[in-house]
Amino acid sequence: MPHRNHQVIRITQTSAVKELSRTQKQFNNLLKKIEAQKQALLEWQETLPLYNQKIASEYKALCDSFNQHRVDMVYLLDRAYGEKLFTKSDKAKIRHILTELAEQLILEHGKDELKELYNKHIGDDIDAAQEEADAMAAELMKSMMGGMFGIEIGDEVDVSSLEKMQAFLHEKMREAEAEQAEKQRQAEEKRAKRKKTQKQLDKEARKRQEEQNISQSIREVYRKLAAALHPDREPDAEERERKTKLMQRVNAAYEKKNLLQLLELQLEAEQIDQEHLNNIAEDRLKYFIKVLKEQLFELEQEVLGYEQEFNGRMGRPFYARLSPKTMMMALEQDIGSLRRDIGKLKEEIGIFRNPSALKAFLKSYKIPKKRPTDDFDDFLGGFLHPDSFR
């Protein structure tokens, strides 16, 4: 986790040097971007426990309460169905509302206690119907996904459920990736065997030298710190403890090749000062810049990982930008919405306990017309949702 308190590394203008060089400006710009990403990462790391705590302490309890009230509504409608007050048309509407609600609670929220009641009203077994629907949808998906991914799916492949179809596709994708990696390895092997031109040899030599110089730059900073902070050479117990803790941070930074943190530790250990930073040689700065670019990329990827994970949880596009603040605001809105829905549901249950009030509601209620493709659209939407492949 990034430290909040650290020495700030910057190259500054002085009376002697009134204009920074292009390399110095690039160095400072990279440091600024890294600092922003470190702050973003710290915000994610600090917000995550708060988010999970709020989910566990508030959101989940509200979801459970909301679903339990919906279960109560199903039982209320089941009792109303037997009332003589309701006409055949009324009962058809009651059955529609009851079975739609019960089906969602059973399939999406595991309320298996409603299965018997659902089967009674629908005249069919929900488990058998779901298996049949899954099998039909999976067969359609088999043809569709075969064309989409270029994978041949034979009759011997078991696609009787969404999970089995996903597992099969994952396996085929892994096989395709492994095959592509092997082809790439063979191609690189062939290229390596070819006689290289002098230009290629020179380029490789320059690259090796550059990598060596970069590694040497980091190693030099580390060696200076290690020499000054070695705790075994310190007679004073208090100072030895301080140096031991500093040296632990130095070793951790060196292990990760974290140049910026090593420079910050040099500043903290008073090995370098602002004048030293202002006078880093241009060629050394160029090597530093290459290392810092890698650090920036790694930080950006780590932040992006948090964004994509929570975009998936929230049903947002995986590429959408997301901040911890926005995530917490969305959760607060969901909690507020759930509270309102529970209040409305409790009010409706209270009203519908009066058969006359329920009959008045049914008079204006119309059973929505269902398109033939709705079931398949729901299946396809669930299959292609980003969470399906996580």
Protein backbone atom coordinates (compact mmCIF):
# COMPACT_ATOMS: atom_id res chain seq x y z
CA MET A 1 0.00 0.00 0.00
CA PRO A 2 1.38 3.47 -0.84
CA HIS A 3 2.60 5.54 2.08
CA ARG A 4 0.82 8.84 2.70
CA ASN A 5 3.89 10.46 4.25
CA HIS A 6 6.90 10.56 1.99
CA GLN A 7 9.43 13.05 0.71
CA VAL A 8 8.36 14.64 -2.57
CA ILE A 9 10.77 14.13 -5.46
CA ARG A 10 10.86 16.99 -7.97
CA ILE A 11 13.39 18.85 -10.07
CA THR A 12 12.93 22.58 -9.44
CA GLN A 13 14.01 25.74 -11.16
CA THR A 14 16.77 27.74 -9.50
CA SER A 15 18.28 31.15 -9.97
CA ALA A 16 21.11 29.49 -11.88
CA VAL A 17 18.79 27.35 -14.04
CA LYS A 18 15.71 29.31 -15.06
CA GLU A 19 14.40 26.81 -17.61
CA LEU A 20 14.23 23.06 -17.10
CA SER A 21 15.38 20.81 -19.91
CA ARG A 22 12.93 18.65 -21.86
CA THR A 23 14.17 15.54 -20.03
CA GLN A 24 13.77 17.23 -16.63
CA LYS A 25 10.22 18.29 -17.51
CA GLN A 26 9.42 14.75 -18.65
CA PHE A 27 10.83 13.40 -15.37
CA ASN A 28 8.69 15.79 -13.31
CA ASN A 29 5.59 15.02 -15.40
CA LEU A 30 6.04 11.29 -14.82
CA LEU A 31 6.43 11.85 -11.08
CA LYS A 32 3.20 13.86 -11.06
CA LYS A 33 1.30 11.10 -12.88
CA ILE A 34 2.72 8.42 -10.58
CA GLU A 35 1.69 10.43 -7.52
CA ALA A 36 -1.87 10.73 -8.90
CA GLN A 37 -2.08 6.99 -9.54
CA LYS A 38 -0.65 6.18 -6.10
CA GLN A 39 -3.31 8.40 -4.55
CA ALA A 40 -6.04 6.73 -6.64
CA LEU A 41 -4.78 3.30 -5.59
CA LEU A 42 -4.70 4.33 -1.93
CA GLU A 43 -8.29 5.56 -2.18
CA TRP A 44 -9.39 2.20 -3.60
CA GLN A 45 -7.53 0.28 -0.90
CA GLU A 46 -9.03 2.44 1.86
CA THR A 47 -12.56 2.42 0.41
CA LEU A 48 -12.80 -1.32 -0.26
CA PRO A 49 -13.19 -2.38 3.42
CA LEU A 50 -15.80 0.37 3.95
CA TYR A 51 -17.70 -0.79 0.86
CA ASN A 52 -17.67 -4.44 1.93
CA GLN A 53 -18.69 -3.50 5.46
CA LYS A 54 -21.65 -1.48 4.16
CA ILE A 55 -22.68 -4.35 1.88
CA ALA A 56 -22.59 -6.79 4.80
CA SER A 57 -24.17 -4.53 7.42
CA GLU A 58 -26.82 -2.67 5.40
CA TYR A 59 -27.29 -3.68 1.78
CA LYS A 60 -27.53 -7.46 2.29
CA ALA A 61 -29.95 -7.06 5.20
CA LEU A 62 -32.14 -4.77 3.09
CA CYS A 63 -32.05 -7.23 0.16
CA ASP A 64 -33.09 -10.05 2.48
CA SER A 65 -35.89 -7.91 3.89
CA PHE A 66 -37.07 -6.88 0.42
CA ASN A 67 -37.15 -10.48 -0.79
CA GLN A 68 -38.93 -11.67 2.35
CA HIS A 69 -41.63 -9.04 1.82
CA ARG A 70 -41.98 -10.25 -1.77
CA VAL A 71 -42.38 -13.81 -0.44
CA ASP A 72 -45.11 -12.47 1.88
CA MET A 73 -46.77 -10.87 -1.16
CA VAL A 74 -46.75 -14.22 -3.00
CA TYR A 75 -48.47 -15.97 -0.08
CA LEU A 76 -50.97 -13.11 0.23
CA LEU A 77 -51.88 -13.40 -3.46
CA ASP A 78 -52.17 -17.18 -3.13
CA ARG A 79 -54.71 -16.76 -0.34
CA ALA A 80 -56.58 -14.09 -2.31
CA TYR A 81 -56.78 -16.44 -5.31
CA GLY A 82 -59.27 -18.61 -3.43
CA GLU A 83 -61.57 -15.71 -2.53
CA LYS A 84 -65.03 -15.85 -4.12
CA LEU A 85 -64.95 -12.07 -4.60
CA PHE A 86 -62.56 -12.36 -7.57
CA THR A 87 -63.72 -13.11 -11.11
CA LYS A 88 -62.00 -15.44 -13.57
CA SER A 89 -60.28 -12.42 -15.12
CA ASP A 90 -59.13 -11.20 -11.69
CA LYS A 91 -57.71 -14.63 -10.88
CA ALA A 92 -55.80 -14.76 -14.17
CA LYS A 93 -54.14 -11.47 -13.21
CA ILE A 94 -53.43 -12.70 -9.67
CA ARG A 95 -51.90 -15.90 -11.07
CA HIS A 96 -49.71 -13.91 -13.46
CA ILE A 97 -48.37 -11.57 -10.76
CA LEU A 98 -47.92 -14.43 -8.30
CA THR A 99 -46.09 -16.79 -10.66
CA GLU A 100 -43.85 -14.09 -12.14
CA LEU A 101 -42.81 -12.98 -8.67
CA ALA A 102 -42.40 -16.53 -7.35
CA GLU A 103 -40.35 -17.61 -10.40
CA GLN A 104 -37.92 -14.73 -9.91
CA LEU A 105 -37.59 -15.42 -6.19
CA ILE A 106 -36.97 -19.13 -6.80
CA LEU A 107 -34.52 -18.84 -9.70
CA GLU A 108 -32.63 -15.70 -8.68
CA HIS A 109 -32.81 -15.74 -4.89
CA GLY A 110 -33.10 -19.42 -3.96
CA LYS A 111 -36.56 -19.22 -2.36
CA ASP A 112 -37.25 -22.92 -2.93
CA GLU A 113 -40.09 -22.89 -0.40
CA LEU A 114 -42.23 -21.27 -3.14
CA LYS A 115 -41.77 -24.12 -5.62
CA GLU A 116 -44.81 -26.11 -4.52
CA LEU A 117 -47.03 -23.03 -4.63
CA TYR A 118 -45.64 -22.03 -8.05
CA ASN A 119 -46.17 -25.52 -9.47
CA LYS A 120 -49.79 -25.49 -8.22
CA HIS A 121 -50.63 -22.28 -10.08
CA ILE A 122 -48.60 -22.87 -13.22
CA GLY A 123 -49.60 -26.54 -13.59
CA ASP A 124 -46.02 -27.63 -14.22
CA ASP A 125 -42.83 -28.48 -12.34
CA ILE A 126 -40.51 -25.47 -12.26
CA ASP A 127 -37.35 -27.57 -12.01
CA ALA A 128 -38.28 -29.69 -15.02
CA ALA A 129 -39.38 -26.62 -16.98
CA GLN A 130 -36.15 -24.80 -16.16
CA GLU A 131 -34.03 -27.78 -17.23
CA GLU A 132 -35.92 -27.99 -20.51
CA ALA A 133 -35.62 -24.24 -21.10
CA ASP A 134 -31.89 -24.32 -20.30
CA ALA A 135 -31.36 -27.24 -22.67
CA MET A 136 -33.22 -25.51 -25.52
CA ALA A 137 -31.43 -22.22 -24.95
CA ALA A 138 -28.07 -23.98 -24.66
CA GLU A 139 -28.64 -25.70 -28.02
CA LEU A 140 -29.33 -22.32 -29.60
CA MET A 141 -26.27 -20.90 -27.90
CA LYS A 142 -24.25 -23.86 -29.12
CA SER A 143 -24.89 -22.89 -32.72
CA MET A 144 -24.53 -19.17 -32.08
CA MET A 145 -21.33 -19.37 -30.04
CA GLY A 146 -19.79 -21.83 -32.47
CA GLY A 147 -20.11 -19.22 -35.22
CA MET A 148 -19.12 -16.31 -32.98
CA PHE A 149 -15.92 -17.89 -31.64
CA GLY A 150 -15.13 -20.11 -34.61
CA ILE A 151 -15.32 -23.20 -32.38
CA GLU A 152 -16.86 -26.43 -33.61
CA ILE A 153 -19.23 -27.81 -30.97
CA GLY A 154 -20.07 -31.43 -31.69
CA ASP A 155 -23.13 -33.39 -30.58
CA GLU A 156 -21.03 -35.21 -27.98
CA VAL A 157 -20.47 -31.95 -26.07
CA ASP A 158 -22.76 -31.58 -23.06
CA VAL A 159 -24.39 -28.15 -23.27
CA SER A 160 -27.42 -28.97 -21.15
CA SER A 161 -26.83 -25.95 -18.92
CA LEU A 162 -25.39 -22.46 -19.10
CA GLU A 163 -22.57 -23.45 -16.72
CA LYS A 164 -21.52 -26.41 -18.89
CA MET A 165 -21.60 -24.24 -22.02
CA GLN A 166 -19.43 -21.61 -20.33
CA ALA A 167 -16.98 -24.23 -19.06
CA PHE A 168 -16.67 -25.71 -22.56
CA LEU A 169 -16.08 -22.30 -24.16
CA HIS A 170 -13.53 -21.35 -21.51
CA GLU A 171 -11.64 -24.57 -22.16
CA LYS A 172 -11.70 -24.04 -25.94
CA MET A 173 -10.50 -20.46 -25.51
CA ARG A 174 -7.63 -21.64 -23.32
CA GLU A 175 -6.71 -24.24 -25.93
CA ALA A 176 -6.81 -21.59 -28.69
CA GLU A 177 -4.63 -19.25 -26.62
CA ALA A 178 -2.14 -22.06 -25.91
CA GLU A 179 -2.04 -22.97 -29.60
CA GLN A 180 -1.45 -19.34 -30.57
CA ALA A 181 1.29 -19.00 -27.95
CA GLU A 182 3.00 -22.14 -29.28
CA LYS A 183 2.83 -20.83 -32.86
CA GLN A 184 4.33 -17.54 -31.69
CA ARG A 185 7.09 -19.39 -29.82
CA GLN A 186 7.92 -21.45 -32.90
CA ALA A 187 7.95 -18.34 -35.08
CA GLU A 188 10.30 -16.58 -32.64
CA GLU A 189 12.49 -19.68 -32.57
CA LYS A 190 12.73 -19.63 -36.37
CA ARG A 191 13.56 -15.93 -36.36
CA ALA A 192 16.26 -16.54 -33.75
CA LYS A 193 17.86 -19.20 -35.95
CA ARG A 194 18.07 -16.90 -38.93
CA LYS A 195 21.34 -15.12 -39.44
CA LYS A 196 20.95 -11.62 -38.08
CA THR A 197 22.07 -8.54 -39.92
CA GLN A 198 24.64 -6.24 -38.40
CA LYS A 199 21.91 -3.68 -37.87
CA GLN A 200 19.87 -6.19 -35.83
CA LEU A 201 22.92 -7.22 -33.82
CA ASP A 202 23.73 -3.57 -33.08
CA LYS A 203 20.14 -2.93 -32.00
CA GLU A 204 20.17 -5.93 -29.65
CA ALA A 205 23.51 -4.85 -28.21
CA ARG A 206 22.17 -1.34 -27.57
CA LYS A 207 19.08 -2.79 -25.90
CA ARG A 208 21.18 -5.03 -23.65
CA GLN A 209 23.42 -2.12 -22.73
CA GLU A 210 20.42 0.08 -22.01
CA GLU A 211 18.84 -2.58 -19.76
CA GLN A 212 22.17 -2.98 -17.98
CA ASN A 213 22.44 0.77 -17.44
CA ILE A 214 18.88 0.94 -16.10
CA SER A 215 19.53 -1.93 -13.71
CA GLN A 216 22.83 -0.35 -12.69
CA SER A 217 21.10 2.97 -11.94
CA ILE A 218 18.67 1.31 -9.54
CA ARG A 219 21.41 -0.82 -8.00
CA GLU A 220 23.61 2.24 -7.32
CA VAL A 221 20.80 3.97 -5.41
CA TYR A 222 20.19 0.79 -3.43
CA ARG A 223 23.87 0.28 -2.59
CA LYS A 224 24.21 3.83 -1.27
CA LEU A 225 21.18 3.36 0.95
CA ALA A 226 22.30 -0.07 2.15
CA ALA A 227 25.76 1.24 3.02
CA ALA A 228 24.38 4.14 5.06
CA LEU A 229 21.51 2.32 6.77
CA HIS A 230 23.03 -1.04 7.62
CA PRO A 231 21.75 -1.52 11.20
CA ASP A 232 24.64 -3.79 12.31
CA ARG A 233 27.04 -0.85 12.04
CA GLU A 234 24.97 1.37 14.34
CA PRO A 235 25.93 1.29 18.08
CA ASP A 236 22.96 3.37 19.30
CA ALA A 237 19.95 1.10 19.97
CA GLU A 238 17.28 3.68 19.08
CA GLU A 239 19.04 4.68 15.86
CA ARG A 240 19.61 1.01 15.02
CA GLU A 241 15.87 0.35 15.28
CA ARG A 242 15.14 3.33 13.01
CA LYS A 243 17.66 2.14 10.43
CA THR A 244 16.32 -1.42 10.60
CA LYS A 245 12.82 -0.20 9.69
CA LEU A 246 14.20 2.03 6.95
CA MET A 247 16.30 -0.83 5.58
CA GLN A 248 13.22 -3.07 5.43
CA ARG A 249 11.51 -0.46 3.27
CA VAL A 250 14.66 -0.14 1.13
CA ASN A 251 14.80 -3.90 0.52
CA ALA A 252 11.09 -4.02 -0.34
CA ALA A 253 11.47 -1.14 -2.81
CA TYR A 254 14.57 -2.69 -4.43
CA GLU A 255 12.85 -6.06 -4.76
CA LYS A 256 10.03 -4.36 -6.69
CA LYS A 257 12.55 -2.19 -8.65
CA ASN A 258 10.63 0.81 -7.29
CA LEU A 259 13.04 3.59 -8.23
CA LEU A 260 10.82 6.42 -7.01
CA GLN A 261 10.52 4.93 -3.54
CA LEU A 262 14.29 4.40 -3.39
CA LEU A 263 14.85 8.06 -4.28
CA GLU A 264 12.30 9.11 -1.66
CA LEU A 265 14.11 6.99 0.91
CA GLN A 266 17.41 8.62 -0.06
CA LEU A 267 15.80 11.99 0.57
CA GLU A 268 14.35 10.76 3.87
CA ALA A 269 17.74 9.37 4.92
CA GLU A 270 19.31 12.75 3.99
CA GLN A 271 21.63 11.12 1.46
CA ILE A 272 20.46 13.53 -1.24
CA ASP A 273 18.91 16.98 -1.22
CA GLN A 274 17.14 19.26 -3.71
CA GLU A 275 20.41 20.42 -5.21
CA HIS A 276 21.35 16.80 -5.91
CA LEU A 277 18.00 16.21 -7.64
CA ASN A 278 18.39 19.36 -9.72
CA ASN A 279 21.78 18.18 -10.97
CA ILE A 280 21.07 14.58 -11.97
CA ALA A 281 22.83 14.03 -15.28
CA GLU A 282 20.68 13.96 -18.42
CA ASP A 283 21.72 10.42 -19.40
CA ARG A 284 20.93 9.15 -15.89
CA LEU A 285 17.55 10.91 -15.99
CA LYS A 286 16.72 9.09 -19.25
CA TYR A 287 17.29 5.75 -17.56
CA PHE A 288 15.24 6.87 -14.58
CA ILE A 289 12.41 7.89 -16.93
CA LYS A 290 12.28 4.41 -18.49
CA VAL A 291 11.94 2.81 -15.05
CA LEU A 292 9.32 5.33 -13.96
CA LYS A 293 7.25 4.67 -17.09
CA GLU A 294 7.08 1.00 -16.14
CA GLN A 295 6.07 1.91 -12.58
CA LEU A 296 3.35 4.22 -13.89
CA PHE A 297 1.99 1.49 -16.18
CA GLU A 298 1.87 -1.03 -13.31
CA LEU A 299 0.04 1.44 -11.08
CA GLU A 300 -2.44 2.27 -13.86
CA GLN A 301 -3.14 -1.43 -14.39
CA GLU A 302 -3.71 -1.97 -10.67
CA VAL A 303 -6.19 0.92 -10.49
CA LEU A 304 -7.86 -0.30 -13.69
CA GLY A 305 -8.26 -3.74 -12.09
CA TYR A 306 -10.33 -2.24 -9.28
CA GLU A 307 -12.44 -0.26 -11.74
CA GLN A 308 -13.18 -3.27 -13.93
CA GLU A 309 -14.00 -5.51 -10.96
CA PHE A 310 -16.55 -3.10 -9.54
CA ASN A 311 -17.97 -2.18 -12.96
CA GLY A 312 -18.72 -5.90 -13.30
CA ARG A 313 -20.35 -6.04 -9.87
CA MET A 314 -22.48 -3.00 -10.66
CA GLY A 315 -23.47 -4.11 -14.16
CA ARG A 316 -21.60 -1.23 -15.82
CA PRO A 317 -19.48 -1.54 -18.97
CA PHE A 318 -16.06 -2.91 -17.94
CA TYR A 319 -14.28 -0.02 -19.71
CA ALA A 320 -16.22 2.75 -17.90
CA ARG A 321 -14.19 4.96 -15.58
CA LEU A 322 -15.08 4.56 -11.93
CA SER A 323 -13.80 6.18 -8.76
CA PRO A 324 -14.20 4.93 -5.16
CA LYS A 325 -16.34 8.00 -4.43
CA THR A 326 -18.68 7.21 -7.34
CA MET A 327 -18.85 3.57 -6.24
CA MET A 328 -19.84 4.52 -2.68
CA MET A 329 -22.39 7.04 -3.96
CA ALA A 330 -23.94 4.34 -6.18
CA LEU A 331 -24.16 1.98 -3.18
CA GLU A 332 -25.80 4.70 -1.07
CA GLN A 333 -28.32 5.28 -3.88
CA ASP A 334 -29.04 1.54 -4.08
CA ILE A 335 -29.54 1.39 -0.32
CA GLY A 336 -31.89 4.39 -0.46
CA SER A 337 -33.80 2.84 -3.37
CA LEU A 338 -34.14 -0.47 -1.50
CA ARG A 339 -35.47 1.31 1.59
CA ARG A 340 -38.09 3.08 -0.55
CA ASP A 341 -39.03 -0.16 -2.33
CA ILE A 342 -39.44 -1.97 1.00
CA GLY A 343 -41.64 0.85 2.31
CA LYS A 344 -43.76 0.77 -0.83
CA LEU A 345 -44.02 -3.03 -0.72
CA LYS A 346 -45.08 -3.03 2.94
CA GLU A 347 -47.72 -0.44 2.12
CA GLU A 348 -49.01 -2.51 -0.82
CA ILE A 349 -49.14 -5.67 1.31
CA GLY A 350 -51.19 -3.74 3.91
CA ILE A 351 -53.58 -2.48 1.23
CA PHE A 352 -53.93 -5.83 -0.59
CA ARG A 353 -54.91 -7.59 2.62
CA ASN A 354 -58.27 -5.90 1.95
CA PRO A 355 -59.80 -7.97 -0.91
CA SER A 356 -61.81 -4.97 -2.15
CA ALA A 357 -58.65 -2.85 -2.45
CA LEU A 358 -56.90 -5.68 -4.31
CA LYS A 359 -59.87 -6.03 -6.67
CA ALA A 360 -59.77 -2.28 -7.38
CA PHE A 361 -56.07 -2.58 -8.24
CA LEU A 362 -56.66 -5.58 -10.51
CA LYS A 363 -59.30 -3.68 -12.44
CA SER A 364 -56.67 -1.34 -13.91
CA TYR A 365 -53.88 -3.94 -14.12
CA LYS A 366 -53.09 -5.43 -17.53
CA ILE A 367 -51.01 -8.57 -18.08
CA PRO A 368 -48.01 -7.51 -20.21
CA LYS A 369 -47.76 -9.15 -23.62
CA LYS A 370 -44.71 -11.38 -23.86
CA ARG A 371 -42.70 -11.61 -27.07
CA PRO A 372 -41.66 -15.08 -28.24
CA THR A 373 -38.00 -14.10 -27.96
CA ASP A 374 -38.11 -12.80 -24.37
CA ASP A 375 -36.92 -16.02 -22.75
CA PHE A 376 -33.99 -16.34 -25.13
CA ASP A 377 -33.10 -12.65 -24.78
CA ASP A 378 -32.97 -13.07 -21.00
CA PHE A 379 -30.76 -16.13 -21.36
CA LEU A 380 -28.48 -14.43 -23.87
CA GLY A 381 -28.21 -11.31 -21.71
CA GLY A 382 -27.17 -13.39 -18.72
CA PHE A 383 -24.70 -15.41 -20.73
CA LEU A 384 -22.94 -12.43 -22.25
CA HIS A 385 -22.88 -10.37 -19.05
CA PRO A 386 -19.25 -9.61 -18.01
CA ASP A 387 -19.81 -11.44 -14.70
CA SER A 388 -20.37 -14.68 -16.64
CA PHE A 389 -16.72 -14.80 -17.61
CA ARG A 390 -15.19 -13.70 -14.30
